[in-house]
Amino acid sequence: MPDGLSVYLKALWFDAKNDWSGAHDLVDQLPGEDAAYVHAYLHRKEGDQFNADYWYRRAGRIRPKLALKEEWEELVSFFLAK
């Protein structure tokens, strides 16, 4: 894992390495919209749309109509820009 990543980018790194649990564990108990945004994506990827929609609402967003890969790229860009 590259040094200096935020917890959100670390979670996305784990997700890219096919470690959904590792990614989820990093954001599961974090407060705030940023954590909810990553959390929502992870549950969408898991296939739990009901739970994903809950987390998108907590993040102040709606579930995107993007492919999962495109959403992952959007999330990475979003957090790299912060």
C-alpha atoms as a PDB file:
ATOM      1  CA  MET A   1       0.000   0.000   0.000  1.00  0.00           C
ATOM      2  CA  PRO A   2       1.379   3.446  -0.841  1.00  0.00           C
ATOM      3  CA  ASP A   3       2.342   5.667   2.082  1.00  0.00           C
ATOM      4  CA  GLY A   4       0.302   8.706   3.046  1.00  0.00           C
ATOM      5  CA  LEU A   5      -3.131   7.548   1.934  1.00  0.00           C
ATOM      6  CA  SER A   6      -6.205   8.749   3.766  1.00  0.00           C
ATOM      7  CA  VAL A   7      -8.335   6.086   5.420  1.00  0.00           C
ATOM      8  CA  TYR A   8     -10.790   6.397   2.525  1.00  0.00           C
ATOM      9  CA  LEU A   9      -8.105   5.787  -0.099  1.00  0.00           C
ATOM     10  CA  LYS A  10      -6.771   2.908   1.983  1.00  0.00           C
ATOM     11  CA  ALA A  11     -10.242   1.352   1.947  1.00  0.00           C
ATOM     12  CA  LEU A  12     -10.445   1.767  -1.818  1.00  0.00           C
ATOM     13  CA  TRP A  13      -6.961   0.259  -2.165  1.00  0.00           C
ATOM     14  CA  PHE A  14      -8.098  -2.817  -0.213  1.00  0.00           C
ATOM     15  CA  ASP A  15     -11.191  -3.013  -2.385  1.00  0.00           C
ATOM     16  CA  ALA A  16      -9.042  -2.916  -5.539  1.00  0.00           C
ATOM     17  CA  LYS A  17      -7.056  -5.838  -4.101  1.00  0.00           C
ATOM     18  CA  ASN A  18     -10.295  -7.830  -3.714  1.00  0.00           C
ATOM     19  CA  ASP A  19     -10.291  -7.440   0.060  1.00  0.00           C
ATOM     20  CA  TRP A  20     -13.856  -6.212   0.608  1.00  0.00           C
ATOM     21  CA  SER A  21     -13.739  -7.029   4.326  1.00  0.00           C
ATOM     22  CA  GLY A  22     -10.508  -5.113   4.831  1.00  0.00           C
ATOM     23  CA  ALA A  23     -12.012  -2.113   3.049  1.00  0.00           C
ATOM     24  CA  HIS A  24     -15.261  -2.317   4.983  1.00  0.00           C
ATOM     25  CA  ASP A  25     -13.479  -2.656   8.327  1.00  0.00           C
ATOM     26  CA  LEU A  26     -11.713   0.670   7.743  1.00  0.00           C
ATOM     27  CA  VAL A  27     -14.881   2.700   7.167  1.00  0.00           C
ATOM     28  CA  ASP A  28     -17.507   0.722   9.059  1.00  0.00           C
ATOM     29  CA  GLN A  29     -17.385   2.742  12.284  1.00  0.00           C
ATOM     30  CA  LEU A  30     -16.179   6.100  10.939  1.00  0.00           C
ATOM     31  CA  PRO A  31     -18.505   9.095  11.178  1.00  0.00           C
ATOM     32  CA  GLY A  32     -19.165  11.598   8.443  1.00  0.00           C
ATOM     33  CA  GLU A  33     -20.276  11.816   4.858  1.00  0.00           C
ATOM     34  CA  ASP A  34     -16.937  10.764   3.372  1.00  0.00           C
ATOM     35  CA  ALA A  35     -16.965   7.465   5.255  1.00  0.00           C
ATOM     36  CA  ALA A  36     -20.623   6.968   4.357  1.00  0.00           C
ATOM     37  CA  TYR A  37     -19.788   7.516   0.675  1.00  0.00           C
ATOM     38  CA  VAL A  38     -17.166   4.741   0.640  1.00  0.00           C
ATOM     39  CA  HIS A  39     -19.384   2.563   2.819  1.00  0.00           C
ATOM     40  CA  ALA A  40     -22.256   2.979   0.328  1.00  0.00           C
ATOM     41  CA  TYR A  41     -20.066   1.977  -2.605  1.00  0.00           C
ATOM     42  CA  LEU A  42     -18.859  -1.120  -0.757  1.00  0.00           C
ATOM     43  CA  HIS A  43     -22.390  -2.295   0.013  1.00  0.00           C
ATOM     44  CA  ARG A  44     -23.424  -1.606  -3.566  1.00  0.00           C
ATOM     45  CA  LYS A  45     -20.527  -3.764  -4.722  1.00  0.00           C
ATOM     46  CA  GLU A  46     -21.557  -6.440  -2.236  1.00  0.00           C
ATOM     47  CA  GLY A  47     -24.998  -6.458  -3.853  1.00  0.00           C
ATOM     48  CA  ASP A  48     -26.872  -5.143  -0.802  1.00  0.00           C
ATOM     49  CA  GLN A  49     -28.723  -2.301  -2.538  1.00  0.00           C
ATOM     50  CA  PHE A  50     -30.989  -1.546   0.445  1.00  0.00           C
ATOM     51  CA  ASN A  51     -28.003  -1.042   2.751  1.00  0.00           C
ATOM     52  CA  ALA A  52     -26.091   0.817   0.038  1.00  0.00           C
ATOM     53  CA  ASP A  53     -28.983   3.255  -0.421  1.00  0.00           C
ATOM     54  CA  TYR A  54     -29.030   3.908   3.329  1.00  0.00           C
ATOM     55  CA  TRP A  55     -25.336   4.837   3.232  1.00  0.00           C
ATOM     56  CA  TYR A  56     -25.718   6.954   0.090  1.00  0.00           C
ATOM     57  CA  ARG A  57     -28.418   8.927   1.922  1.00  0.00           C
ATOM     58  CA  ARG A  58     -26.073   9.329   4.913  1.00  0.00           C
ATOM     59  CA  ALA A  59     -23.445  10.628   2.468  1.00  0.00           C
ATOM     60  CA  GLY A  60     -25.927  13.115   0.995  1.00  0.00           C
ATOM     61  CA  ARG A  61     -25.914  11.289  -2.351  1.00  0.00           C
ATOM     62  CA  ILE A  62     -28.009   8.963  -4.432  1.00  0.00           C
ATOM     63  CA  ARG A  63     -26.902   5.619  -5.837  1.00  0.00           C
ATOM     64  CA  PRO A  64     -25.153   6.344  -9.145  1.00  0.00           C
ATOM     65  CA  LYS A  65     -26.055   4.652 -12.381  1.00  0.00           C
ATOM     66  CA  LEU A  66     -22.350   4.163 -13.124  1.00  0.00           C
ATOM     67  CA  ALA A  67     -20.651   0.800 -13.408  1.00  0.00           C
ATOM     68  CA  LEU A  68     -18.876  -0.178 -10.187  1.00  0.00           C
ATOM     69  CA  LYS A  69     -15.458   0.350 -11.798  1.00  0.00           C
ATOM     70  CA  GLU A  70     -16.457   3.864 -12.838  1.00  0.00           C
ATOM     71  CA  GLU A  71     -17.751   4.654  -9.361  1.00  0.00           C
ATOM     72  CA  TRP A  72     -14.505   3.350  -7.832  1.00  0.00           C
ATOM     73  CA  GLU A  73     -12.526   5.647 -10.152  1.00  0.00           C
ATOM     74  CA  GLU A  74     -14.798   8.561  -9.244  1.00  0.00           C
ATOM     75  CA  LEU A  75     -14.267   7.890  -5.544  1.00  0.00           C
ATOM     76  CA  VAL A  76     -10.486   7.717  -5.939  1.00  0.00           C
ATOM     77  CA  SER A  77     -10.471  11.013  -7.870  1.00  0.00           C
ATOM     78  CA  PHE A  78     -12.721  12.614  -5.267  1.00  0.00           C
ATOM     79  CA  PHE A  79     -10.475  11.627  -2.357  1.00  0.00           C
ATOM     80  CA  LEU A  80      -7.219  12.409  -4.164  1.00  0.00           C
ATOM     81  CA  ALA A  81      -8.511  15.950  -4.740  1.00  0.00           C
ATOM     82  CA  LYS A  82      -9.196  16.503  -1.014  1.00  0.00           C
END
